[in-house]
Amino acid sequence: MESTRQQKINRLIQKELGDIFLLQTKQMTGVLVSVSSVRISPDLGVAKAYLSIFPSEKGAELLKNINANVKAIRYDIGQRLGKQLRIIPEFTFFLDDSLDYLDNIDRLLNKDNKTEDKNG
């Protein structure tokens, strides 16, 4: 169970990471990176950020680039939140594929409905 402080920091970091990725992806046309959630450890030293990347075909490549530049991202967060947080957490980024999963379920359900319409 997360404390209220952890939840507030999660939202704060999620907003700031979203702003950072928005500025970075403006230079790349047709790419959108959004931060779907952030989970910070109880000691506030480690944060896991889950990213939703569109188009999903570029997800693995972009995630690799983001993880390669994690120190620069941590520095940017430190510049933005240094007055509010005593410790700037270490970041680990993961690909959030829940939208692809939902897409797949919708596609399968629609396929079943079309099969029933033809048979029924």
PDB file of N, CA and C in Angstrom:
ATOM      1  N   MET A   1       0.844  -1.185   0.000  1.00  0.00           N
ATOM      2  CA  MET A   1       0.000   0.000   0.000  1.00  0.00           C
ATOM      3  C   MET A   1       0.884   1.241   0.000  1.00  0.00           C
ATOM      4  N   GLU A   2       0.627   2.129  -0.951  1.00  0.00           N
ATOM      5  CA  GLU A   2       1.426   3.338  -1.050  1.00  0.00           C
ATOM      6  C   GLU A   2       0.916   4.400  -0.082  1.00  0.00           C
ATOM      7  N   SER A   3       1.867   5.142   0.468  1.00  0.00           N
ATOM      8  CA  SER A   3       1.488   6.243   1.347  1.00  0.00           C
ATOM      9  C   SER A   3       1.001   7.428   0.506  1.00  0.00           C
ATOM     10  N   THR A   4       0.386   8.373   1.172  1.00  0.00           N
ATOM     11  CA  THR A   4      -0.094   9.567   0.488  1.00  0.00           C
ATOM     12  C   THR A   4       1.068  10.324  -0.134  1.00  0.00           C
ATOM     13  N   ARG A   5       2.185  10.376   0.580  1.00  0.00           N
ATOM     14  CA  ARG A   5       3.374  11.068   0.055  1.00  0.00           C
ATOM     15  C   ARG A   5       3.864  10.399  -1.228  1.00  0.00           C
ATOM     16  N   GLN A   6       3.909   9.074  -1.234  1.00  0.00           N
ATOM     17  CA  GLN A   6       4.339   8.356  -2.438  1.00  0.00           C
ATOM     18  C   GLN A   6       3.404   8.658  -3.604  1.00  0.00           C
ATOM     19  N   GLN A   7       2.114   8.673  -3.344  1.00  0.00           N
ATOM     20  CA  GLN A   7       1.149   8.948  -4.408  1.00  0.00           C
ATOM     21  C   GLN A   7       1.329  10.351  -4.977  1.00  0.00           C
ATOM     22  N   LYS A   8       1.569  11.331  -4.094  1.00  0.00           N
ATOM     23  CA  LYS A   8       1.784  12.707  -4.553  1.00  0.00           C
ATOM     24  C   LYS A   8       3.050  12.814  -5.396  1.00  0.00           C
ATOM     25  N   ILE A   9       4.109  12.148  -4.956  1.00  0.00           N
ATOM     26  CA  ILE A   9       5.369  12.186  -5.697  1.00  0.00           C
ATOM     27  C   ILE A   9       5.222  11.453  -7.025  1.00  0.00           C
ATOM     28  N   ASN A  10       4.483  10.348  -7.031  1.00  0.00           N
ATOM     29  CA  ASN A  10       4.215   9.631  -8.282  1.00  0.00           C
ATOM     30  C   ASN A  10       3.569  10.553  -9.311  1.00  0.00           C
ATOM     31  N   ARG A  11       2.540  11.268  -8.892  1.00  0.00           N
ATOM     32  CA  ARG A  11       1.833  12.174  -9.807  1.00  0.00           C
ATOM     33  C   ARG A  11       2.729  13.317 -10.253  1.00  0.00           C
ATOM     34  N   LEU A  12       3.518  13.853  -9.339  1.00  0.00           N
ATOM     35  CA  LEU A  12       4.412  14.958  -9.659  1.00  0.00           C
ATOM     36  C   LEU A  12       5.464  14.532 -10.688  1.00  0.00           C
ATOM     37  N   ILE A  13       6.077  13.387 -10.460  1.00  0.00           N
ATOM     38  CA  ILE A  13       7.096  12.887 -11.385  1.00  0.00           C
ATOM     39  C   ILE A  13       6.457  12.525 -12.722  1.00  0.00           C
ATOM     40  N   GLN A  14       5.263  11.937 -12.690  1.00  0.00           N
ATOM     41  CA  GLN A  14       4.579  11.576 -13.931  1.00  0.00           C
ATOM     42  C   GLN A  14       4.328  12.813 -14.795  1.00  0.00           C
ATOM     43  N   LYS A  15       3.888  13.900 -14.173  1.00  0.00           N
ATOM     44  CA  LYS A  15       3.628  15.142 -14.899  1.00  0.00           C
ATOM     45  C   LYS A  15       4.909  15.695 -15.500  1.00  0.00           C
ATOM     46  N   GLU A  16       5.968  15.743 -14.704  1.00  0.00           N
ATOM     47  CA  GLU A  16       7.227  16.313 -15.187  1.00  0.00           C
ATOM     48  C   GLU A  16       7.866  15.455 -16.277  1.00  0.00           C
ATOM     49  N   LEU A  17       7.820  14.133 -16.109  1.00  0.00           N
ATOM     50  CA  LEU A  17       8.346  13.249 -17.159  1.00  0.00           C
ATOM     51  C   LEU A  17       7.545  13.418 -18.448  1.00  0.00           C
ATOM     52  N   GLY A  18       6.237  13.562 -18.318  1.00  0.00           N
ATOM     53  CA  GLY A  18       5.392  13.800 -19.493  1.00  0.00           C
ATOM     54  C   GLY A  18       5.790  15.065 -20.224  1.00  0.00           C
ATOM     55  N   ASP A  19       6.067  16.125 -19.473  1.00  0.00           N
ATOM     56  CA  ASP A  19       6.511  17.388 -20.080  1.00  0.00           C
ATOM     57  C   ASP A  19       7.853  17.218 -20.782  1.00  0.00           C
ATOM     58  N   ILE A  20       8.773  16.513 -20.145  1.00  0.00           N
ATOM     59  CA  ILE A  20      10.098  16.291 -20.738  1.00  0.00           C
ATOM     60  C   ILE A  20       9.972  15.510 -22.039  1.00  0.00           C
ATOM     61  N   PHE A  21       9.188  14.419 -22.022  1.00  0.00           N
ATOM     62  CA  PHE A  21       9.037  13.609 -23.238  1.00  0.00           C
ATOM     63  C   PHE A  21       8.277  14.354 -24.322  1.00  0.00           C
ATOM     64  N   LEU A  22       7.353  15.222 -23.936  1.00  0.00           N
ATOM     65  CA  LEU A  22       6.631  16.028 -24.921  1.00  0.00           C
ATOM     66  C   LEU A  22       7.601  16.951 -25.657  1.00  0.00           C
ATOM     67  N   LEU A  23       8.492  17.600 -24.906  1.00  0.00           N
ATOM     68  CA  LEU A  23       9.480  18.477 -25.541  1.00  0.00           C
ATOM     69  C   LEU A  23      10.437  17.698 -26.439  1.00  0.00           C
ATOM     70  N   GLN A  24      10.842  16.500 -25.995  1.00  0.00           N
ATOM     71  CA  GLN A  24      11.776  15.695 -26.778  1.00  0.00           C
ATOM     72  C   GLN A  24      11.135  15.151 -28.049  1.00  0.00           C
ATOM     73  N   THR A  25       9.869  14.754 -27.982  1.00  0.00           N
ATOM     74  CA  THR A  25       9.241  14.139 -29.156  1.00  0.00           C
ATOM     75  C   THR A  25       8.689  15.149 -30.144  1.00  0.00           C
ATOM     76  N   LYS A  26       8.699  16.428 -29.801  1.00  0.00           N
ATOM     77  CA  LYS A  26       8.283  17.444 -30.774  1.00  0.00           C
ATOM     78  C   LYS A  26       9.211  17.433 -31.983  1.00  0.00           C
ATOM     79  N   GLN A  27      10.468  17.046 -31.764  1.00  0.00           N
ATOM     80  CA  GLN A  27      11.445  17.017 -32.848  1.00  0.00           C
ATOM     81  C   GLN A  27      11.243  15.818 -33.773  1.00  0.00           C
ATOM     82  N   MET A  28      10.580  14.765 -33.270  1.00  0.00           N
ATOM     83  CA  MET A  28      10.324  13.571 -34.077  1.00  0.00           C
ATOM     84  C   MET A  28       8.865  13.577 -34.501  1.00  0.00           C
ATOM     85  N   THR A  29       8.626  13.599 -35.794  1.00  0.00           N
ATOM     86  CA  THR A  29       7.249  13.630 -36.261  1.00  0.00           C
ATOM     87  C   THR A  29       6.637  12.235 -36.200  1.00  0.00           C
ATOM     88  N   GLY A  30       5.391  12.176 -35.810  1.00  0.00           N
ATOM     89  CA  GLY A  30       4.665  10.920 -35.787  1.00  0.00           C
ATOM     90  C   GLY A  30       4.961  10.027 -34.597  1.00  0.00           C
ATOM     91  N   VAL A  31       5.611  10.564 -33.560  1.00  0.00           N
ATOM     92  CA  VAL A  31       5.932   9.763 -32.378  1.00  0.00           C
ATOM     93  C   VAL A  31       5.320  10.449 -31.154  1.00  0.00           C
ATOM     94  N   LEU A  32       4.687   9.639 -30.308  1.00  0.00           N
ATOM     95  CA  LEU A  32       4.085  10.151 -29.087  1.00  0.00           C
ATOM     96  C   LEU A  32       4.499   9.259 -27.922  1.00  0.00           C
ATOM     97  N   VAL A  33       5.070   9.873 -26.888  1.00  0.00           N
ATOM     98  CA  VAL A  33       5.458   9.140 -25.687  1.00  0.00           C
ATOM     99  C   VAL A  33       4.682   9.739 -24.520  1.00  0.00           C
ATOM    100  N   SER A  34       3.916   8.887 -23.835  1.00  0.00           N
ATOM    101  CA  SER A  34       3.198   9.358 -22.658  1.00  0.00           C
ATOM    102  C   SER A  34       3.561   8.476 -21.471  1.00  0.00           C
ATOM    103  N   VAL A  35       3.526   9.070 -20.296  1.00  0.00           N
ATOM    104  CA  VAL A  35       3.858   8.352 -19.072  1.00  0.00           C
ATOM    105  C   VAL A  35       2.546   7.851 -18.480  1.00  0.00           C
ATOM    106  N   SER A  36       2.330   6.534 -18.545  1.00  0.00           N
ATOM    107  CA  SER A  36       1.055   5.996 -18.078  1.00  0.00           C
ATOM    108  C   SER A  36       1.009   5.884 -16.556  1.00  0.00           C
ATOM    109  N   SER A  37       2.138   5.558 -15.926  1.00  0.00           N
ATOM    110  CA  SER A  37       2.169   5.547 -14.463  1.00  0.00           C
ATOM    111  C   SER A  37       3.598   5.570 -13.955  1.00  0.00           C
ATOM    112  N   VAL A  38       3.735   5.990 -12.714  1.00  0.00           N
ATOM    113  CA  VAL A  38       5.030   6.014 -12.028  1.00  0.00           C
ATOM    114  C   VAL A  38       4.820   5.366 -10.666  1.00  0.00           C
ATOM    115  N   ARG A  39       5.739   4.505 -10.289  1.00  0.00           N
ATOM    116  CA  ARG A  39       5.703   3.866  -8.970  1.00  0.00           C
ATOM    117  C   ARG A  39       7.034   4.135  -8.286  1.00  0.00           C
ATOM    118  N   ILE A  40       6.982   4.767  -7.133  1.00  0.00           N
ATOM    119  CA  ILE A  40       8.206   5.102  -6.401  1.00  0.00           C
ATOM    120  C   ILE A  40       8.317   4.190  -5.179  1.00  0.00           C
ATOM    121  N   SER A  41       9.545   3.830  -4.843  1.00  0.00           N
ATOM    122  CA  SER A  41       9.780   2.936  -3.702  1.00  0.00           C
ATOM    123  C   SER A  41       9.480   3.671  -2.393  1.00  0.00           C
ATOM    124  N   PRO A  42       9.248   2.928  -1.313  1.00  0.00           N
ATOM    125  CA  PRO A  42       8.934   3.569  -0.023  1.00  0.00           C
ATOM    126  C   PRO A  42      10.028   4.517   0.475  1.00  0.00           C
ATOM    127  N   ASP A  43      11.299   4.236   0.127  1.00  0.00           N
ATOM    128  CA  ASP A  43      12.371   5.143   0.564  1.00  0.00           C
ATOM    129  C   ASP A  43      12.577   6.309  -0.404  1.00  0.00           C
ATOM    130  N   LEU A  44      11.745   6.393  -1.455  1.00  0.00           N
ATOM    131  CA  LEU A  44      11.755   7.469  -2.455  1.00  0.00           C
ATOM    132  C   LEU A  44      13.054   7.509  -3.257  1.00  0.00           C
ATOM    133  N   GLY A  45      13.783   6.404  -3.294  1.00  0.00           N
ATOM    134  CA  GLY A  45      15.071   6.383  -3.986  1.00  0.00           C
ATOM    135  C   GLY A  45      15.027   5.781  -5.377  1.00  0.00           C
ATOM    136  N   VAL A  46      13.989   5.014  -5.681  1.00  0.00           N
ATOM    137  CA  VAL A  46      13.895   4.351  -6.978  1.00  0.00           C
ATOM    138  C   VAL A  46      12.493   4.560  -7.528  1.00  0.00           C
ATOM    139  N   ALA A  47      12.413   4.971  -8.796  1.00  0.00           N
ATOM    140  CA  ALA A  47      11.115   5.165  -9.443  1.00  0.00           C
ATOM    141  C   ALA A  47      11.053   4.331 -10.711  1.00  0.00           C
ATOM    142  N   LYS A  48       9.945   3.630 -10.868  1.00  0.00           N
ATOM    143  CA  LYS A  48       9.687   2.875 -12.090  1.00  0.00           C
ATOM    144  C   LYS A  48       8.640   3.643 -12.882  1.00  0.00           C
ATOM    145  N   ALA A  49       8.984   3.977 -14.115  1.00  0.00           N
ATOM    146  CA  ALA A  49       8.055   4.715 -14.963  1.00  0.00           C
ATOM    147  C   ALA A  49       7.620   3.827 -16.117  1.00  0.00           C
ATOM    148  N   TYR A  50       6.325   3.781 -16.349  1.00  0.00           N
ATOM    149  CA  TYR A  50       5.765   2.974 -17.425  1.00  0.00           C
ATOM    150  C   TYR A  50       5.346   3.900 -18.554  1.00  0.00           C
ATOM    151  N   LEU A  51       5.907   3.667 -19.734  1.00  0.00           N
ATOM    152  CA  LEU A  51       5.705   4.544 -20.877  1.00  0.00           C
ATOM    153  C   LEU A  51       4.832   3.875 -21.927  1.00  0.00           C
ATOM    154  N   SER A  52       3.922   4.650 -22.469  1.00  0.00           N
ATOM    155  CA  SER A  52       3.110   4.209 -23.593  1.00  0.00           C
ATOM    156  C   SER A  52       3.628   4.947 -24.820  1.00  0.00           C
ATOM    157  N   ILE A  53       4.066   4.193 -25.817  1.00  0.00           N
ATOM    158  CA  ILE A  53       4.712   4.791 -26.986  1.00  0.00           C
ATOM    159  C   ILE A  53       3.874   4.488 -28.224  1.00  0.00           C
ATOM    160  N   PHE A  54       3.595   5.543 -28.992  1.00  0.00           N
ATOM    161  CA  PHE A  54       2.869   5.398 -30.248  1.00  0.00           C
ATOM    162  C   PHE A  54       3.742   5.906 -31.372  1.00  0.00           C
ATOM    163  N   PRO A  55       3.907   5.242 -32.450  1.00  0.00           N
ATOM    164  CA  PRO A  55       3.395   3.913 -32.791  1.00  0.00           C
ATOM    165  C   PRO A  55       4.164   2.829 -32.036  1.00  0.00           C
ATOM    166  N   SER A  56       3.480   1.762 -31.716  1.00  0.00           N
ATOM    167  CA  SER A  56       4.064   0.727 -30.861  1.00  0.00           C
ATOM    168  C   SER A  56       5.215  -0.012 -31.531  1.00  0.00           C
ATOM    169  N   GLU A  57       5.318   0.063 -32.864  1.00  0.00           N
ATOM    170  CA  GLU A  57       6.435  -0.588 -33.558  1.00  0.00           C
ATOM    171  C   GLU A  57       7.771   0.037 -33.160  1.00  0.00           C
ATOM    172  N   LYS A  58       7.751   1.323 -32.837  1.00  0.00           N
ATOM    173  CA  LYS A  58       8.978   2.022 -32.455  1.00  0.00           C
ATOM    174  C   LYS A  58       9.245   1.956 -30.955  1.00  0.00           C
ATOM    175  N   GLY A  59       8.386   1.271 -30.213  1.00  0.00           N
ATOM    176  CA  GLY A  59       8.458   1.254 -28.757  1.00  0.00           C
ATOM    177  C   GLY A  59       9.769   0.725 -28.216  1.00  0.00           C
ATOM    178  N   ALA A  60      10.219  -0.426 -28.708  1.00  0.00           N
ATOM    179  CA  ALA A  60      11.445  -1.037 -28.185  1.00  0.00           C
ATOM    180  C   ALA A  60      12.657  -0.160 -28.460  1.00  0.00           C
ATOM    181  N   GLU A  61      12.713   0.408 -29.652  1.00  0.00           N
ATOM    182  CA  GLU A  61      13.850   1.268 -30.017  1.00  0.00           C
ATOM    183  C   GLU A  61      13.882   2.538 -29.170  1.00  0.00           C
ATOM    184  N   LEU A  62      12.727   3.179 -29.012  1.00  0.00           N
ATOM    185  CA  LEU A  62      12.668   4.398 -28.202  1.00  0.00           C
ATOM    186  C   LEU A  62      12.963   4.113 -26.737  1.00  0.00           C
ATOM    187  N   LEU A  63      12.464   3.002 -26.228  1.00  0.00           N
ATOM    188  CA  LEU A  63      12.719   2.647 -24.829  1.00  0.00           C
ATOM    189  C   LEU A  63      14.211   2.422 -24.603  1.00  0.00           C
ATOM    190  N   LYS A  64      14.878   1.820 -25.574  1.00  0.00           N
ATOM    191  CA  LYS A  64      16.327   1.606 -25.473  1.00  0.00           C
ATOM    192  C   LYS A  64      17.060   2.951 -25.428  1.00  0.00           C
ATOM    193  N   ASN A  65      16.638   3.894 -26.263  1.00  0.00           N
ATOM    194  CA  ASN A  65      17.250   5.230 -26.263  1.00  0.00           C
ATOM    195  C   ASN A  65      16.975   5.971 -24.955  1.00  0.00           C
ATOM    196  N   ILE A  66      15.768   5.831 -24.432  1.00  0.00           N
ATOM    197  CA  ILE A  66      15.419   6.497 -23.177  1.00  0.00           C
ATOM    198  C   ILE A  66      16.256   5.932 -22.032  1.00  0.00           C
ATOM    199  N   ASN A  67      16.391   4.605 -21.976  1.00  0.00           N
ATOM    200  CA  ASN A  67      17.199   3.998 -20.922  1.00  0.00           C
ATOM    201  C   ASN A  67      18.677   4.348 -21.066  1.00  0.00           C
ATOM    202  N   ALA A  68      19.139   4.601 -22.293  1.00  0.00           N
ATOM    203  CA  ALA A  68      20.528   5.019 -22.499  1.00  0.00           C
ATOM    204  C   ALA A  68      20.757   6.447 -21.990  1.00  0.00           C
ATOM    205  N   ASN A  69      19.702   7.252 -21.967  1.00  0.00           N
ATOM    206  CA  ASN A  69      19.809   8.655 -21.541  1.00  0.00           C
ATOM    207  C   ASN A  69      19.171   8.911 -20.189  1.00  0.00           C
ATOM    208  N   VAL A  70      19.121   7.880 -19.347  1.00  0.00           N
ATOM    209  CA  VAL A  70      18.436   7.995 -18.066  1.00  0.00           C
ATOM    210  C   VAL A  70      19.102   9.029 -17.149  1.00  0.00           C
ATOM    211  N   LYS A  71      20.404   9.198 -17.259  1.00  0.00           N
ATOM    212  CA  LYS A  71      21.089  10.194 -16.413  1.00  0.00           C
ATOM    213  C   LYS A  71      20.682  11.614 -16.777  1.00  0.00           C
ATOM    214  N   ALA A  72      20.523  11.886 -18.062  1.00  0.00           N
ATOM    215  CA  ALA A  72      20.093  13.216 -18.502  1.00  0.00           C
ATOM    216  C   ALA A  72      18.656  13.488 -18.053  1.00  0.00           C
ATOM    217  N   ILE A  73      17.830  12.460 -18.106  1.00  0.00           N
ATOM    218  CA  ILE A  73      16.436  12.620 -17.670  1.00  0.00           C
ATOM    219  C   ILE A  73      16.386  12.879 -16.165  1.00  0.00           C
ATOM    220  N   ARG A  74      17.201  12.154 -15.413  1.00  0.00           N
ATOM    221  CA  ARG A  74      17.247  12.361 -13.961  1.00  0.00           C
ATOM    222  C   ARG A  74      17.734  13.781 -13.643  1.00  0.00           C
ATOM    223  N   TYR A  75      18.704  14.269 -14.414  1.00  0.00           N
ATOM    224  CA  TYR A  75      19.204  15.628 -14.225  1.00  0.00           C
ATOM    225  C   TYR A  75      18.083  16.639 -14.487  1.00  0.00           C
ATOM    226  N   ASP A  76      17.328  16.436 -15.575  1.00  0.00           N
ATOM    227  CA  ASP A  76      16.212  17.339 -15.895  1.00  0.00           C
ATOM    228  C   ASP A  76      15.172  17.349 -14.783  1.00  0.00           C
ATOM    229  N   ILE A  77      14.848  16.164 -14.269  1.00  0.00           N
ATOM    230  CA  ILE A  77      13.895  16.081 -13.153  1.00  0.00           C
ATOM    231  C   ILE A  77      14.458  16.797 -11.928  1.00  0.00           C
ATOM    232  N   GLY A  78      15.763  16.655 -11.680  1.00  0.00           N
ATOM    233  CA  GLY A  78      16.403  17.338 -10.560  1.00  0.00           C
ATOM    234  C   GLY A  78      16.312  18.844 -10.689  1.00  0.00           C
ATOM    235  N   GLN A  79      16.473  19.342 -11.919  1.00  0.00           N
ATOM    236  CA  GLN A  79      16.363  20.783 -12.155  1.00  0.00           C
ATOM    237  C   GLN A  79      14.932  21.277 -11.905  1.00  0.00           C
ATOM    238  N   ARG A  80      13.959  20.460 -12.285  1.00  0.00           N
ATOM    239  CA  ARG A  80      12.562  20.868 -12.151  1.00  0.00           C
ATOM    240  C   ARG A  80      12.031  20.685 -10.728  1.00  0.00           C
ATOM    241  N   LEU A  81      12.451  19.610 -10.050  1.00  0.00           N
ATOM    242  CA  LEU A  81      11.867  19.260  -8.760  1.00  0.00           C
ATOM    243  C   LEU A  81      12.849  19.345  -7.594  1.00  0.00           C
ATOM    244  N   GLY A  82      14.024  19.903  -7.826  1.00  0.00           N
ATOM    245  CA  GLY A  82      15.050  19.952  -6.791  1.00  0.00           C
ATOM    246  C   GLY A  82      14.615  20.655  -5.529  1.00  0.00           C
ATOM    247  N   LYS A  83      13.726  21.638  -5.643  1.00  0.00           N
ATOM    248  CA  LYS A  83      13.249  22.379  -4.470  1.00  0.00           C
ATOM    249  C   LYS A  83      12.172  21.604  -3.710  1.00  0.00           C
ATOM    250  N   GLN A  84      11.517  20.654  -4.390  1.00  0.00           N
ATOM    251  CA  GLN A  84      10.402  19.942  -3.770  1.00  0.00           C
ATOM    252  C   GLN A  84      10.802  18.575  -3.221  1.00  0.00           C
ATOM    253  N   LEU A  85      11.834  17.963  -3.811  1.00  0.00           N
ATOM    254  CA  LEU A  85      12.264  16.635  -3.374  1.00  0.00           C
ATOM    255  C   LEU A  85      13.677  16.699  -2.816  1.00  0.00           C
ATOM    256  N   ARG A  86      13.872  16.027  -1.703  1.00  0.00           N
ATOM    257  CA  ARG A  86      15.201  15.980  -1.113  1.00  0.00           C
ATOM    258  C   ARG A  86      16.098  15.027  -1.900  1.00  0.00           C
ATOM    259  N   ILE A  87      15.517  13.905  -2.318  1.00  0.00           N
ATOM    260  CA  ILE A  87      16.251  12.901  -3.081  1.00  0.00           C
ATOM    261  C   ILE A  87      15.593  12.773  -4.450  1.00  0.00           C
ATOM    262  N   ILE A  88      16.396  12.920  -5.510  1.00  0.00           N
ATOM    263  CA  ILE A  88      15.886  12.671  -6.858  1.00  0.00           C
ATOM    264  C   ILE A  88      16.080  11.178  -7.118  1.00  0.00           C
ATOM    265  N   PRO A  89      15.001  10.451  -7.388  1.00  0.00           N
ATOM    266  CA  PRO A  89      15.117   8.987  -7.491  1.00  0.00           C
ATOM    267  C   PRO A  89      15.872   8.528  -8.733  1.00  0.00           C
ATOM    268  N   GLU A  90      16.397   7.321  -8.657  1.00  0.00           N
ATOM    269  CA  GLU A  90      16.954   6.643  -9.828  1.00  0.00           C
ATOM    270  C   GLU A  90      15.763   6.162 -10.647  1.00  0.00           C
ATOM    271  N   PHE A  91      15.854   6.285 -11.965  1.00  0.00           N
ATOM    272  CA  PHE A  91      14.732   5.917 -12.822  1.00  0.00           C
ATOM    273  C   PHE A  91      14.991   4.626 -13.573  1.00  0.00           C
ATOM    274  N   THR A  92      13.931   3.841 -13.705  1.00  0.00           N
ATOM    275  CA  THR A  92      13.916   2.677 -14.573  1.00  0.00           C
ATOM    276  C   THR A  92      12.659   2.798 -15.420  1.00  0.00           C
ATOM    277  N   PHE A  93      12.825   2.683 -16.733  1.00  0.00           N
ATOM    278  CA  PHE A  93      11.692   2.848 -17.638  1.00  0.00           C
ATOM    279  C   PHE A  93      11.278   1.503 -18.216  1.00  0.00           C
ATOM    280  N   PHE A  94       9.966   1.313 -18.293  1.00  0.00           N
ATOM    281  CA  PHE A  94       9.394   0.085 -18.839  1.00  0.00           C
ATOM    282  C   PHE A  94       8.357   0.448 -19.889  1.00  0.00           C
ATOM    283  N   LEU A  95       8.159  -0.450 -20.826  1.00  0.00           N
ATOM    284  CA  LEU A  95       7.162  -0.253 -21.863  1.00  0.00           C
ATOM    285  C   LEU A  95       5.804  -0.717 -21.339  1.00  0.00           C
ATOM    286  N   ASP A  96       4.829   0.160 -21.400  1.00  0.00           N
ATOM    287  CA  ASP A  96       3.471  -0.177 -20.980  1.00  0.00           C
ATOM    288  C   ASP A  96       2.700  -0.627 -22.217  1.00  0.00           C
ATOM    289  N   ASP A  97       2.483  -1.928 -22.327  1.00  0.00           N
ATOM    290  CA  ASP A  97       1.819  -2.457 -23.507  1.00  0.00           C
ATOM    291  C   ASP A  97       0.354  -2.782 -23.249  1.00  0.00           C
ATOM    292  N   SER A  98      -0.233  -2.162 -22.247  1.00  0.00           N
ATOM    293  CA  SER A  98      -1.626  -2.450 -21.909  1.00  0.00           C
ATOM    294  C   SER A  98      -2.572  -2.008 -23.027  1.00  0.00           C
ATOM    295  N   LEU A  99      -2.246  -0.925 -23.746  1.00  0.00           N
ATOM    296  CA  LEU A  99      -3.105  -0.485 -24.846  1.00  0.00           C
ATOM    297  C   LEU A  99      -3.081  -1.488 -25.986  1.00  0.00           C
ATOM    298  N   ASP A 100      -1.917  -2.064 -26.282  1.00  0.00           N
ATOM    299  CA  ASP A 100      -1.824  -3.106 -27.308  1.00  0.00           C
ATOM    300  C   ASP A 100      -2.625  -4.323 -26.890  1.00  0.00           C
ATOM    301  N   TYR A 101      -2.566  -4.649 -25.609  1.00  0.00           N
ATOM    302  CA  TYR A 101      -3.309  -5.792 -25.068  1.00  0.00           C
ATOM    303  C   TYR A 101      -4.813  -5.566 -25.235  1.00  0.00           C
ATOM    304  N   LEU A 102      -5.289  -4.351 -24.894  1.00  0.00           N
ATOM    305  CA  LEU A 102      -6.706  -4.029 -25.044  1.00  0.00           C
ATOM    306  C   LEU A 102      -7.125  -4.049 -26.510  1.00  0.00           C
ATOM    307  N   ASP A 103      -6.262  -3.544 -27.375  1.00  0.00           N
ATOM    308  CA  ASP A 103      -6.516  -3.562 -28.817  1.00  0.00           C
ATOM    309  C   ASP A 103      -6.711  -4.990 -29.310  1.00  0.00           C
ATOM    310  N   ASN A 104      -5.835  -5.869 -28.850  1.00  0.00           N
ATOM    311  CA  ASN A 104      -5.898  -7.270 -29.250  1.00  0.00           C
ATOM    312  C   ASN A 104      -7.202  -7.915 -28.778  1.00  0.00           C
ATOM    313  N   ILE A 105      -7.608  -7.627 -27.544  1.00  0.00           N
ATOM    314  CA  ILE A 105      -8.860  -8.173 -27.011  1.00  0.00           C
ATOM    315  C   ILE A 105     -10.048  -7.669 -27.832  1.00  0.00           C
ATOM    316  N   ASP A 106     -10.069  -6.372 -28.137  1.00  0.00           N
ATOM    317  CA  ASP A 106     -11.156  -5.815 -28.950  1.00  0.00           C
ATOM    318  C   ASP A 106     -11.213  -6.476 -30.322  1.00  0.00           C
ATOM    319  N   ARG A 107     -10.047  -6.665 -30.925  1.00  0.00           N
ATOM    320  CA  ARG A 107      -9.983  -7.291 -32.243  1.00  0.00           C
ATOM    321  C   ARG A 107     -10.530  -8.721 -32.182  1.00  0.00           C
ATOM    322  N   LEU A 108     -10.140  -9.465 -31.149  1.00  0.00           N
ATOM    323  CA  LEU A 108     -10.622 -10.838 -31.001  1.00  0.00           C
ATOM    324  C   LEU A 108     -12.131 -10.882 -30.755  1.00  0.00           C
ATOM    325  N   LEU A 109     -12.636  -9.974 -29.927  1.00  0.00           N
ATOM    326  CA  LEU A 109     -14.070  -9.927 -29.663  1.00  0.00           C
ATOM    327  C   LEU A 109     -14.852  -9.572 -30.926  1.00  0.00           C
ATOM    328  N   ASN A 110     -14.351  -8.622 -31.690  1.00  0.00           N
ATOM    329  CA  ASN A 110     -15.023  -8.243 -32.933  1.00  0.00           C
ATOM    330  C   ASN A 110     -15.009  -9.387 -33.932  1.00  0.00           C
ATOM    331  N   LYS A 111     -13.920 -10.136 -33.974  1.00  0.00           N
ATOM    332  CA  LYS A 111     -13.815 -11.279 -34.876  1.00  0.00           C
ATOM    333  C   LYS A 111     -14.847 -12.345 -34.498  1.00  0.00           C
ATOM    334  N   ASP A 112     -15.016 -12.590 -33.192  1.00  0.00           N
ATOM    335  CA  ASP A 112     -16.002 -13.558 -32.726  1.00  0.00           C
ATOM    336  C   ASP A 112     -17.422 -13.099 -33.059  1.00  0.00           C
ATOM    337  N   ASN A 113     -17.689 -11.802 -32.899  1.00  0.00           N
ATOM    338  CA  ASN A 113     -19.028 -11.276 -33.199  1.00  0.00           C
ATOM    339  C   ASN A 113     -19.353 -11.414 -34.683  1.00  0.00           C
ATOM    340  N   LYS A 114     -18.376 -11.175 -35.542  1.00  0.00           N
ATOM    341  CA  LYS A 114     -18.612 -11.309 -36.988  1.00  0.00           C
ATOM    342  C   LYS A 114     -18.850 -12.760 -37.363  1.00  0.00           C
ATOM    343  N   THR A 115     -18.158 -13.682 -36.702  1.00  0.00           N
ATOM    344  CA  THR A 115     -18.353 -15.104 -36.962  1.00  0.00           C
ATOM    345  C   THR A 115     -19.757 -15.519 -36.546  1.00  0.00           C
ATOM    346  N   GLU A 116     -20.231 -15.027 -35.387  1.00  0.00           N
ATOM    347  CA  GLU A 116     -21.570 -15.350 -34.911  1.00  0.00           C
ATOM    348  C   GLU A 116     -22.631 -14.778 -35.852  1.00  0.00           C
ATOM    349  N   ASP A 117     -22.392 -13.538 -36.387  1.00  0.00           N
ATOM    350  CA  ASP A 117     -23.356 -12.930 -37.298  1.00  0.00           C
ATOM    351  C   ASP A 117     -23.507 -13.756 -38.565  1.00  0.00           C
ATOM    352  N   LYS A 118     -22.431 -14.309 -39.082  1.00  0.00           N
ATOM    353  CA  LYS A 118     -22.484 -15.124 -40.294  1.00  0.00           C
ATOM    354  C   LYS A 118     -23.184 -16.457 -40.027  1.00  0.00           C
ATOM    355  N   ASN A 119     -22.947 -17.029 -38.858  1.00  0.00           N
ATOM    356  CA  ASN A 119     -23.539 -18.328 -38.516  1.00  0.00           C
ATOM    357  C   ASN A 119     -24.984 -18.191 -38.052  1.00  0.00           C
ATOM    358  N   GLY A 120     -25.321 -17.053 -37.460  1.00  0.00           N
ATOM    359  CA  GLY A 120     -26.626 -16.891 -36.831  1.00  0.00           C
ATOM    360  C   GLY A 120     -27.636 -16.372 -37.718  1.00  0.00           C
TER     361      GLY A 120
END
